[in-house]
Protein backbone atom coordinates (compact mmCIF):
# COMPACT_ATOMS: atom_id res chain seq x y z
CA UNK A 1 2.27 -3.11 13.18
CA UNK A 2 1.40 0.49 13.30
CA UNK A 3 4.52 1.11 14.91
CA UNK A 4 6.32 -0.69 12.05
CA UNK A 5 4.68 1.53 9.74
CA UNK A 6 5.46 4.78 11.21
CA UNK A 7 9.04 4.01 12.17
CA UNK A 8 9.64 2.73 8.23
CA UNK A 9 8.26 5.68 6.73
CA UNK A 10 10.02 6.03 3.06
CA UNK A 11 10.37 2.37 2.65
CA UNK A 12 7.74 0.18 0.84
CA UNK A 13 8.77 -3.09 2.32
CA UNK A 14 9.14 -4.20 6.00
CA UNK A 15 10.53 -7.78 6.79
CA UNK A 16 9.17 -9.35 9.83
CA UNK A 17 11.16 -12.95 10.83
CA UNK A 18 9.28 -14.76 13.62
CA UNK A 19 7.55 -17.90 14.67
CA UNK A 20 4.64 -19.23 13.45
CA UNK A 21 2.27 -18.03 16.38
CA UNK A 22 3.32 -14.36 15.60
CA UNK A 23 2.57 -15.02 11.81
CA UNK A 24 -0.84 -16.16 12.46
CA UNK A 25 -1.54 -13.48 15.04
CA UNK A 26 -0.57 -10.69 12.56
CA UNK A 27 -3.01 -12.45 10.09
CA UNK A 28 -5.48 -12.61 12.78
CA UNK A 29 -5.33 -8.81 13.62
CA UNK A 30 -5.10 -7.26 9.91
CA UNK A 31 -8.25 -9.85 8.82
CA UNK A 32 -10.12 -9.15 12.24
CA UNK A 33 -10.78 -12.87 12.60
CA UNK A 34 -12.36 -14.32 15.93
CA UNK A 35 -9.69 -15.50 18.56
CA UNK A 36 -11.83 -18.73 19.08
CA UNK A 37 -10.66 -19.73 15.45
CA UNK A 38 -7.05 -19.18 16.17
CA UNK A 39 -6.12 -22.78 15.63
CA UNK A 40 -8.66 -23.65 13.05
CA UNK A 41 -6.44 -23.45 10.25
CA UNK A 42 -3.66 -25.65 11.48
CA UNK A 43 0.06 -24.48 11.72
CA UNK A 44 1.97 -22.40 10.11
CA UNK A 45 4.73 -24.60 8.44
CA UNK A 46 8.36 -23.83 9.56
CA UNK A 47 10.66 -21.83 7.12
CA UNK A 48 7.48 -20.66 5.17
CA UNK A 49 7.19 -17.32 3.46
CA UNK A 50 4.07 -15.33 3.68
CA UNK A 51 3.64 -11.90 2.02
CA UNK A 52 1.04 -9.20 2.71
CA UNK A 53 0.76 -6.12 0.69
CA UNK A 54 -1.18 -3.05 2.44
CA UNK A 55 -3.13 -1.65 -0.30
CA UNK A 56 -3.65 2.26 -0.71
CA UNK A 57 -7.16 1.80 0.50
CA UNK A 58 -6.22 0.35 3.87
CA UNK A 59 -7.11 -3.20 2.94
CA UNK A 60 -4.62 -6.23 3.03
CA UNK A 61 -3.83 -8.69 0.06
CA UNK A 62 -2.28 -11.90 0.93
CA UNK A 63 0.07 -12.85 -2.03
CA UNK A 64 1.81 -15.87 -0.58
CA UNK A 65 0.86 -17.60 2.51
CA UNK A 66 2.93 -20.28 4.21
CA UNK A 67 4.63 -20.98 1.15
CA UNK A 68 7.35 -23.47 1.39
CA UNK A 69 10.51 -24.37 -0.96
CA UNK A 70 10.59 -28.14 0.45
């Protein structure tokens, strides 16, 4: 994630398209969740949308979590 921020200076948005396990891993990293709880929230739905904003304070805010159109 740090590499993405460094390599995208000047851009306010970064799009990551990936599988659910990677999305869950990113969420666990930025929110400092315990690895023991990795599967407790269930699966990330296929073709879902998650939007996370990084605030000026360095904290993260979830705007959309696993939103689907179907």
